[in-house]
Amino acid sequence: MDFLGAPAQGAHRHEDERYAQGMQLRRAVLGHAHVDRSLDGLNEHNREFQDLITRYAWGEIWTRPGLPRHTRSLITVAMLVALNREGELRLHLDAARNNAVSREQLREVLLQTAIYCGVPAANAALHLAERVFAEQDAADLSHPRAASVQPDGAATPYTLKPPD
């Protein structure tokens, strides 16, 4: 059971790299403001958890090459509907546009969840999505450049208004 022993030489460097990659991606997906709030709120009760999700959720899983961020974002939304995790769902509905997910694609995923997760879960998620979209529209009106340009300067493919 050597795997339970002390970390191999260089393992700490690997963990530091995983944390750095995770933090970079976490900020790209969730936004600097959200991540900064999380880090500002670090304390003895949540410090290890924040480190864990940065290293493993973001640094290990979200950085894997097997699925693009766009797909991971859609899958995450569907799973959060299934698990009835409104707070995290709100966060990922809002963050989806940072992964080039359109509102139309989110609506399709939420319709799909009605069949596999249940109509009440999908209904609640659709209402939440409407609130998130309204908040985004209000923020975009007050900061129009933020709505049209990503942090890297590329045009945002996100649809800001639902189709007529």
Protein backbone atom coordinates (compact mmCIF):
# COMPACT_ATOMS: atom_id res chain seq x y z
CA MET A 1 0.00 0.00 0.00
CA ASP A 2 2.69 2.43 -0.98
CA PHE A 3 0.04 4.71 -2.43
CA LEU A 4 -0.98 5.61 1.14
CA GLY A 5 2.54 6.67 2.07
CA ALA A 6 4.22 10.05 1.80
CA PRO A 7 3.85 11.90 -1.50
CA ALA A 8 6.45 11.11 -4.11
CA GLN A 9 9.24 13.59 -4.65
CA GLY A 10 7.95 16.34 -6.91
CA ALA A 11 4.31 15.65 -5.99
CA HIS A 12 3.98 19.00 -4.22
CA ARG A 13 5.12 20.77 -7.38
CA HIS A 14 2.51 18.81 -9.34
CA GLU A 15 -0.17 19.84 -6.83
CA ASP A 16 0.93 23.47 -7.09
CA GLU A 17 0.69 23.30 -10.89
CA ARG A 18 -2.75 21.67 -10.67
CA TYR A 19 -3.90 24.41 -8.30
CA ALA A 20 -2.55 27.16 -10.60
CA GLN A 21 -4.22 25.63 -13.68
CA GLY A 22 -7.43 25.15 -11.71
CA MET A 23 -7.43 28.73 -10.47
CA GLN A 24 -6.82 30.06 -13.99
CA LEU A 25 -9.72 28.05 -15.42
CA ARG A 26 -11.99 28.74 -12.45
CA ARG A 27 -11.50 32.47 -12.99
CA ALA A 28 -12.05 32.13 -16.76
CA VAL A 29 -15.33 30.25 -16.29
CA LEU A 30 -16.82 31.75 -13.13
CA GLY A 31 -15.30 35.21 -13.37
CA HIS A 32 -12.82 37.08 -11.22
CA ALA A 33 -15.51 38.65 -9.02
CA HIS A 34 -16.97 35.31 -7.94
CA VAL A 35 -13.58 33.71 -7.32
CA ASP A 36 -12.33 36.77 -5.44
CA ARG A 37 -15.42 36.65 -3.18
CA SER A 38 -14.74 32.97 -2.49
CA LEU A 39 -11.11 33.63 -1.66
CA ASP A 40 -11.92 36.68 0.46
CA GLY A 41 -14.21 34.46 2.51
CA LEU A 42 -11.57 31.83 3.29
CA ASN A 43 -11.50 30.69 6.88
CA GLU A 44 -10.53 27.65 8.91
CA HIS A 45 -13.79 25.89 7.98
CA ASN A 46 -13.70 26.27 4.19
CA ARG A 47 -10.01 26.73 3.28
CA GLU A 48 -9.37 23.04 2.57
CA PHE A 49 -12.62 22.71 0.60
CA GLN A 50 -11.77 25.70 -1.61
CA ASP A 51 -8.32 24.21 -2.22
CA LEU A 52 -9.90 20.85 -3.05
CA ILE A 53 -12.36 22.21 -5.61
CA THR A 54 -9.72 24.41 -7.22
CA ARG A 55 -7.23 21.55 -7.58
CA TYR A 56 -9.59 18.73 -8.47
CA ALA A 57 -12.83 20.11 -9.94
CA TRP A 58 -11.08 22.85 -11.92
CA GLY A 59 -7.43 21.75 -12.11
CA GLU A 60 -8.01 18.06 -12.76
CA ILE A 61 -11.47 17.55 -14.29
CA TRP A 62 -12.30 20.79 -16.14
CA THR A 63 -8.80 20.92 -17.67
CA ARG A 64 -8.95 17.40 -19.14
CA PRO A 65 -8.69 17.35 -22.94
CA GLY A 66 -11.52 14.82 -23.52
CA LEU A 67 -14.37 17.38 -23.56
CA PRO A 68 -14.41 21.06 -24.48
CA ARG A 69 -15.44 23.59 -21.81
CA HIS A 70 -18.64 24.25 -23.75
CA THR A 71 -19.74 20.62 -23.36
CA ARG A 72 -18.64 20.45 -19.72
CA SER A 73 -20.73 23.54 -19.03
CA LEU A 74 -23.87 21.99 -20.57
CA ILE A 75 -23.33 18.72 -18.68
CA THR A 76 -22.82 20.60 -15.42
CA VAL A 77 -26.07 22.53 -15.86
CA ALA A 78 -27.99 19.30 -16.48
CA MET A 79 -26.47 17.60 -13.44
CA LEU A 80 -27.23 20.56 -11.19
CA VAL A 81 -30.86 20.49 -12.32
CA ALA A 82 -30.99 16.77 -11.51
CA LEU A 83 -29.47 17.36 -8.08
CA ASN A 84 -31.68 20.39 -7.35
CA ARG A 85 -28.70 22.59 -6.48
CA GLU A 86 -30.15 26.03 -7.15
CA GLY A 87 -27.18 28.09 -5.93
CA GLU A 88 -24.65 26.22 -8.05
CA LEU A 89 -27.10 26.09 -10.98
CA ARG A 90 -27.46 29.89 -10.86
CA LEU A 91 -23.67 30.22 -10.88
CA HIS A 92 -23.23 27.88 -13.86
CA LEU A 93 -26.15 29.34 -15.84
CA ASP A 94 -24.48 32.72 -15.51
CA ALA A 95 -21.01 31.36 -16.26
CA ALA A 96 -22.12 29.37 -19.32
CA ARG A 97 -21.61 32.33 -21.63
CA ASN A 98 -17.92 32.33 -20.65
CA ASN A 99 -17.83 28.90 -22.30
CA ALA A 100 -19.55 30.05 -25.51
CA VAL A 101 -22.88 28.46 -24.52
CA SER A 102 -25.87 30.27 -26.00
CA ARG A 103 -29.21 30.80 -24.32
CA GLU A 104 -30.79 28.61 -26.96
CA GLN A 105 -28.46 25.76 -26.01
CA LEU A 106 -29.24 26.24 -22.34
CA ARG A 107 -32.97 26.14 -23.11
CA GLU A 108 -32.48 22.87 -25.00
CA VAL A 109 -30.62 21.33 -22.07
CA LEU A 110 -33.34 22.49 -19.68
CA LEU A 111 -36.03 20.96 -21.92
CA GLN A 112 -34.07 17.72 -21.94
CA THR A 113 -33.96 17.77 -18.14
CA ALA A 114 -37.76 17.85 -18.06
CA ILE A 115 -37.76 14.31 -19.47
CA TYR A 116 -34.88 12.86 -17.47
CA CYS A 117 -35.03 14.87 -14.22
CA GLY A 118 -38.73 15.66 -14.03
CA VAL A 119 -40.97 18.52 -15.05
CA PRO A 120 -40.87 20.26 -11.63
CA ALA A 121 -37.05 20.33 -11.64
CA ALA A 122 -36.92 21.66 -15.21
CA ASN A 123 -39.66 24.21 -14.50
CA ALA A 124 -37.74 25.59 -11.52
CA ALA A 125 -34.54 25.67 -13.59
CA LEU A 126 -36.26 27.52 -16.47
CA HIS A 127 -37.58 30.15 -14.07
CA LEU A 128 -34.11 30.52 -12.56
CA ALA A 129 -32.58 30.84 -16.04
CA GLU A 130 -35.05 33.62 -16.87
CA ARG A 131 -33.95 35.52 -13.75
CA VAL A 132 -30.26 34.99 -14.56
CA PHE A 133 -30.78 36.16 -18.16
CA ALA A 134 -32.64 39.28 -16.96
CA GLU A 135 -29.80 40.07 -14.56
CA GLN A 136 -27.26 39.59 -17.35
CA ASP A 137 -29.24 41.86 -19.69
CA ALA A 138 -29.44 44.57 -17.03
CA ALA A 139 -25.70 44.31 -16.36
CA ASP A 140 -24.94 44.27 -20.09
CA LEU A 141 -26.94 47.47 -20.60
CA SER A 142 -24.91 49.23 -17.93
CA HIS A 143 -21.61 47.78 -19.25
CA PRO A 144 -22.13 47.16 -23.01
CA ARG A 145 -18.46 46.35 -23.74
CA ALA A 146 -18.53 43.53 -21.17
CA ALA A 147 -21.35 41.89 -23.12
CA SER A 148 -19.60 41.95 -26.46
CA VAL A 149 -15.98 41.12 -25.66
CA GLN A 150 -14.45 38.22 -23.76
CA PRO A 151 -11.43 38.72 -21.47
CA ASP A 152 -9.12 37.60 -24.30
CA GLY A 153 -10.64 40.20 -26.64
CA ALA A 154 -12.58 37.75 -28.81
CA ALA A 155 -16.20 38.46 -29.71
CA THR A 156 -18.68 36.73 -27.43
CA PRO A 157 -20.94 34.29 -29.33
CA TYR A 158 -23.54 34.53 -26.56
CA THR A 159 -27.01 35.56 -27.63
CA LEU A 160 -28.13 38.41 -25.39
CA LYS A 161 -31.78 38.43 -26.37
CA PRO A 162 -34.12 35.49 -26.93
CA PRO A 163 -35.30 34.91 -30.49
CA ASP A 164 -38.53 36.68 -31.51
